[in-house]
Amino acid sequence: MEFLPYFLVSAASYFGLVAGSTIMKLAYSEKDELRQILFMIRKGLLFIIFVTAVFFTFGNTPVSLGFALFFAALSFFKYKTDHLAKKSMITYPALAVVFYFSSADAAFFAAESALIFLYGIAAASLNFEMKQKNYFELLKYNAAFIIIANALYLL
């Protein structure tokens, strides 16, 4: 795969954050009712992303084991900050690594990029605060996804 399509798909996956922020900006009054559902969706999508990564890399045992161990660590990791936007700073670099490894297989790449986009919608919907106007803050804190995913591809 050439760099331009890879970059555009990584940008499209990243813009799930923009979509989630926009949705929450339009329906902010529903945030309290949706909070539990969005938490479940976010956790479920994260689980599906890493299970898919392990499934598609099953032939490569060290990579599969690395994904499984990393997901287990990420699942049990306790965040020491109450700042919701900073919490996803841990997850998005991990998603960038999964995104990079998925580029080897077209089906895996399509599945992972769509799942990362959906995860971004759920994560941004939870992290968006209308009073703080943290729209650009969400993008800034999670920019590591674009940087890491594309830097890995260029290496």
C-alpha atoms as a PDB file:
ATOM      1  CA  MET A   1       0.000   0.000   0.000  1.00  0.00           C
ATOM      2  CA  GLU A   2       1.258   3.451  -0.832  1.00  0.00           C
ATOM      3  CA  PHE A   3       1.535   6.219   1.707  1.00  0.00           C
ATOM      4  CA  LEU A   4      -1.243   8.537   0.457  1.00  0.00           C
ATOM      5  CA  PRO A   5      -4.106   6.002   0.798  1.00  0.00           C
ATOM      6  CA  TYR A   6      -2.689   4.879   4.136  1.00  0.00           C
ATOM      7  CA  PHE A   7      -2.525   8.478   5.369  1.00  0.00           C
ATOM      8  CA  LEU A   8      -6.069   9.256   4.202  1.00  0.00           C
ATOM      9  CA  VAL A   9      -7.489   6.167   5.912  1.00  0.00           C
ATOM     10  CA  SER A  10      -5.612   7.025   9.113  1.00  0.00           C
ATOM     11  CA  ALA A  11      -7.042  10.552   8.965  1.00  0.00           C
ATOM     12  CA  ALA A  12     -10.545   9.185   8.354  1.00  0.00           C
ATOM     13  CA  SER A  13     -10.190   6.855  11.351  1.00  0.00           C
ATOM     14  CA  TYR A  14      -8.947   9.731  13.489  1.00  0.00           C
ATOM     15  CA  PHE A  15     -11.896  11.906  12.485  1.00  0.00           C
ATOM     16  CA  GLY A  16     -14.206   9.631  14.444  1.00  0.00           C
ATOM     17  CA  LEU A  17     -13.300  12.064  17.231  1.00  0.00           C
ATOM     18  CA  VAL A  18     -14.651  14.946  15.175  1.00  0.00           C
ATOM     19  CA  ALA A  19     -17.842  13.025  14.427  1.00  0.00           C
ATOM     20  CA  GLY A  20     -18.367  12.123  18.092  1.00  0.00           C
ATOM     21  CA  SER A  21     -17.775  15.703  19.238  1.00  0.00           C
ATOM     22  CA  THR A  22     -20.176  17.019  16.625  1.00  0.00           C
ATOM     23  CA  ILE A  23     -22.864  14.531  17.575  1.00  0.00           C
ATOM     24  CA  MET A  24     -22.519  15.407  21.239  1.00  0.00           C
ATOM     25  CA  LYS A  25     -22.510  19.120  20.472  1.00  0.00           C
ATOM     26  CA  LEU A  26     -25.840  18.718  18.679  1.00  0.00           C
ATOM     27  CA  ALA A  27     -27.381  16.452  21.334  1.00  0.00           C
ATOM     28  CA  TYR A  28     -25.635  17.568  24.514  1.00  0.00           C
ATOM     29  CA  SER A  29     -28.843  17.400  26.568  1.00  0.00           C
ATOM     30  CA  GLU A  30     -28.884  13.616  26.055  1.00  0.00           C
ATOM     31  CA  LYS A  31     -25.345  13.067  27.362  1.00  0.00           C
ATOM     32  CA  ASP A  32     -26.363  12.049  30.884  1.00  0.00           C
ATOM     33  CA  GLU A  33     -28.803   9.430  29.602  1.00  0.00           C
ATOM     34  CA  LEU A  34     -26.253   8.074  27.126  1.00  0.00           C
ATOM     35  CA  ARG A  35     -23.236   7.997  29.450  1.00  0.00           C
ATOM     36  CA  GLN A  36     -23.555   4.332  30.523  1.00  0.00           C
ATOM     37  CA  ILE A  37     -24.351   3.186  26.993  1.00  0.00           C
ATOM     38  CA  LEU A  38     -21.383   5.087  25.569  1.00  0.00           C
ATOM     39  CA  PHE A  39     -19.058   3.593  28.212  1.00  0.00           C
ATOM     40  CA  MET A  40     -20.246   0.105  27.258  1.00  0.00           C
ATOM     41  CA  ILE A  41     -19.882   0.829  23.541  1.00  0.00           C
ATOM     42  CA  ARG A  42     -16.380   2.234  24.020  1.00  0.00           C
ATOM     43  CA  LYS A  43     -15.211  -0.736  26.101  1.00  0.00           C
ATOM     44  CA  GLY A  44     -16.878  -3.195  23.718  1.00  0.00           C
ATOM     45  CA  LEU A  45     -15.284  -1.610  20.661  1.00  0.00           C
ATOM     46  CA  LEU A  46     -11.873  -1.600  22.320  1.00  0.00           C
ATOM     47  CA  PHE A  47     -12.308  -5.287  23.080  1.00  0.00           C
ATOM     48  CA  ILE A  48     -13.406  -6.042  19.506  1.00  0.00           C
ATOM     49  CA  ILE A  49     -10.475  -4.068  18.074  1.00  0.00           C
ATOM     50  CA  PHE A  50      -7.914  -6.077  20.013  1.00  0.00           C
ATOM     51  CA  VAL A  51      -9.679  -9.424  19.518  1.00  0.00           C
ATOM     52  CA  THR A  52      -9.729  -8.730  15.784  1.00  0.00           C
ATOM     53  CA  ALA A  53      -6.043  -7.819  15.927  1.00  0.00           C
ATOM     54  CA  VAL A  54      -5.207 -11.072  17.699  1.00  0.00           C
ATOM     55  CA  PHE A  55      -7.371 -13.068  15.275  1.00  0.00           C
ATOM     56  CA  PHE A  56      -5.797 -11.592  12.137  1.00  0.00           C
ATOM     57  CA  THR A  57      -2.237 -11.898  13.442  1.00  0.00           C
ATOM     58  CA  PHE A  58      -2.734 -15.425  14.790  1.00  0.00           C
ATOM     59  CA  GLY A  59      -0.163 -16.835  12.348  1.00  0.00           C
ATOM     60  CA  ASN A  60       2.441 -14.503  13.829  1.00  0.00           C
ATOM     61  CA  THR A  61       2.601 -15.749  17.418  1.00  0.00           C
ATOM     62  CA  PRO A  62       4.811 -13.008  18.968  1.00  0.00           C
ATOM     63  CA  VAL A  63       2.623 -10.237  17.549  1.00  0.00           C
ATOM     64  CA  SER A  64      -0.575 -12.012  18.647  1.00  0.00           C
ATOM     65  CA  LEU A  65       0.831 -12.523  22.122  1.00  0.00           C
ATOM     66  CA  GLY A  66       1.898  -8.872  22.254  1.00  0.00           C
ATOM     67  CA  PHE A  67      -1.586  -7.689  21.301  1.00  0.00           C
ATOM     68  CA  ALA A  68      -3.216  -9.982  23.863  1.00  0.00           C
ATOM     69  CA  LEU A  69      -0.888  -8.874  26.668  1.00  0.00           C
ATOM     70  CA  PHE A  70      -1.233  -5.227  25.765  1.00  0.00           C
ATOM     71  CA  PHE A  71      -5.030  -5.451  25.745  1.00  0.00           C
ATOM     72  CA  ALA A  72      -4.999  -7.160  29.136  1.00  0.00           C
ATOM     73  CA  ALA A  73      -2.760  -4.409  30.541  1.00  0.00           C
ATOM     74  CA  LEU A  74      -4.907  -1.682  28.989  1.00  0.00           C
ATOM     75  CA  SER A  75      -8.070  -3.241  30.416  1.00  0.00           C
ATOM     76  CA  PHE A  76      -6.744  -3.296  33.972  1.00  0.00           C
ATOM     77  CA  PHE A  77      -4.845  -0.012  33.843  1.00  0.00           C
ATOM     78  CA  LYS A  78      -6.171   2.514  36.354  1.00  0.00           C
ATOM     79  CA  TYR A  79      -6.072   6.094  35.213  1.00  0.00           C
ATOM     80  CA  LYS A  80      -4.756   8.567  37.781  1.00  0.00           C
ATOM     81  CA  THR A  81      -6.371  11.586  36.162  1.00  0.00           C
ATOM     82  CA  ASP A  82      -9.954  12.752  36.304  1.00  0.00           C
ATOM     83  CA  HIS A  83      -9.538  14.652  33.050  1.00  0.00           C
ATOM     84  CA  LEU A  84     -11.526  12.552  30.555  1.00  0.00           C
ATOM     85  CA  ALA A  85      -9.808  13.866  27.419  1.00  0.00           C
ATOM     86  CA  LYS A  86      -6.380  12.938  28.792  1.00  0.00           C
ATOM     87  CA  LYS A  87      -7.508   9.393  29.526  1.00  0.00           C
ATOM     88  CA  SER A  88      -7.775   8.567  25.838  1.00  0.00           C
ATOM     89  CA  MET A  89      -4.159   9.685  25.372  1.00  0.00           C
ATOM     90  CA  ILE A  90      -3.220   6.188  26.527  1.00  0.00           C
ATOM     91  CA  THR A  91      -5.528   4.358  24.153  1.00  0.00           C
ATOM     92  CA  TYR A  92      -4.974   6.171  20.873  1.00  0.00           C
ATOM     93  CA  PRO A  93      -1.226   5.419  20.578  1.00  0.00           C
ATOM     94  CA  ALA A  94      -2.077   1.742  21.094  1.00  0.00           C
ATOM     95  CA  LEU A  95      -4.706   2.000  18.384  1.00  0.00           C
ATOM     96  CA  ALA A  96      -2.082   3.547  16.091  1.00  0.00           C
ATOM     97  CA  VAL A  97       0.118   0.468  16.501  1.00  0.00           C
ATOM     98  CA  VAL A  98      -2.826  -1.837  15.760  1.00  0.00           C
ATOM     99  CA  PHE A  99      -3.686   0.345  12.756  1.00  0.00           C
ATOM    100  CA  TYR A 100      -0.140   0.041  11.418  1.00  0.00           C
ATOM    101  CA  PHE A 101      -0.064  -3.751  11.759  1.00  0.00           C
ATOM    102  CA  SER A 102      -3.455  -3.992  10.087  1.00  0.00           C
ATOM    103  CA  SER A 103      -2.144  -2.420   6.888  1.00  0.00           C
ATOM    104  CA  ALA A 104      -0.575  -5.743   5.859  1.00  0.00           C
ATOM    105  CA  ASP A 105      -3.979  -7.307   5.103  1.00  0.00           C
ATOM    106  CA  ALA A 106      -6.736  -5.445   3.223  1.00  0.00           C
ATOM    107  CA  ALA A 107      -9.632  -7.054   5.129  1.00  0.00           C
ATOM    108  CA  PHE A 108      -7.956  -6.502   8.481  1.00  0.00           C
ATOM    109  CA  PHE A 109      -7.142  -2.907   7.512  1.00  0.00           C
ATOM    110  CA  ALA A 110     -10.742  -2.148   6.550  1.00  0.00           C
ATOM    111  CA  ALA A 111     -12.121  -3.716   9.717  1.00  0.00           C
ATOM    112  CA  GLU A 112      -9.680  -2.005  12.072  1.00  0.00           C
ATOM    113  CA  SER A 113     -10.010   1.432  10.492  1.00  0.00           C
ATOM    114  CA  ALA A 114     -13.814   1.256  10.725  1.00  0.00           C
ATOM    115  CA  LEU A 115     -13.658   0.054  14.333  1.00  0.00           C
ATOM    116  CA  ILE A 116     -11.220   2.839  15.277  1.00  0.00           C
ATOM    117  CA  PHE A 117     -13.563   5.374  13.670  1.00  0.00           C
ATOM    118  CA  LEU A 118     -16.500   4.028  15.713  1.00  0.00           C
ATOM    119  CA  TYR A 119     -14.372   3.988  18.866  1.00  0.00           C
ATOM    120  CA  GLY A 120     -13.539   7.645  18.232  1.00  0.00           C
ATOM    121  CA  ILE A 121     -17.219   8.515  18.049  1.00  0.00           C
ATOM    122  CA  ALA A 122     -17.918   6.880  21.412  1.00  0.00           C
ATOM    123  CA  ALA A 123     -14.775   8.261  23.081  1.00  0.00           C
ATOM    124  CA  ALA A 124     -15.326  11.827  21.873  1.00  0.00           C
ATOM    125  CA  SER A 125     -18.996  11.718  22.820  1.00  0.00           C
ATOM    126  CA  LEU A 126     -18.013  10.821  26.366  1.00  0.00           C
ATOM    127  CA  ASN A 127     -15.174  13.325  26.589  1.00  0.00           C
ATOM    128  CA  PHE A 128     -16.842  16.335  25.000  1.00  0.00           C
ATOM    129  CA  GLU A 129     -17.826  19.078  27.454  1.00  0.00           C
ATOM    130  CA  MET A 130     -19.974  21.910  26.149  1.00  0.00           C
ATOM    131  CA  LYS A 131     -19.103  24.299  28.992  1.00  0.00           C
ATOM    132  CA  GLN A 132     -15.353  23.840  28.568  1.00  0.00           C
ATOM    133  CA  LYS A 133     -15.510  23.868  24.762  1.00  0.00           C
ATOM    134  CA  ASN A 134     -12.856  21.171  24.607  1.00  0.00           C
ATOM    135  CA  TYR A 135     -13.410  20.316  20.940  1.00  0.00           C
ATOM    136  CA  PHE A 136      -9.853  21.109  19.861  1.00  0.00           C
ATOM    137  CA  GLU A 137      -8.452  19.776  23.112  1.00  0.00           C
ATOM    138  CA  LEU A 138      -9.802  16.317  22.237  1.00  0.00           C
ATOM    139  CA  LEU A 139      -8.095  16.457  18.867  1.00  0.00           C
ATOM    140  CA  LYS A 140      -4.840  17.719  20.377  1.00  0.00           C
ATOM    141  CA  TYR A 141      -4.658  15.048  23.096  1.00  0.00           C
ATOM    142  CA  ASN A 142      -5.311  12.250  20.610  1.00  0.00           C
ATOM    143  CA  ALA A 143      -3.121  13.527  17.769  1.00  0.00           C
ATOM    144  CA  ALA A 144      -0.580  10.865  18.721  1.00  0.00           C
ATOM    145  CA  PHE A 145      -2.703   8.427  16.708  1.00  0.00           C
ATOM    146  CA  ILE A 146      -2.000  10.177  13.404  1.00  0.00           C
ATOM    147  CA  ILE A 147       1.631  10.868  14.277  1.00  0.00           C
ATOM    148  CA  ILE A 148       2.461   7.326  15.426  1.00  0.00           C
ATOM    149  CA  ALA A 149       0.463   5.511  12.737  1.00  0.00           C
ATOM    150  CA  ASN A 150       2.109   7.454   9.930  1.00  0.00           C
ATOM    151  CA  ALA A 151       5.586   7.458  11.475  1.00  0.00           C
ATOM    152  CA  LEU A 152       5.456   3.667  11.769  1.00  0.00           C
ATOM    153  CA  TYR A 153       4.454   3.401   8.143  1.00  0.00           C
ATOM    154  CA  LEU A 154       7.325   5.638   7.020  1.00  0.00           C
ATOM    155  CA  LEU A 155       9.921   3.666   9.000  1.00  0.00           C
END
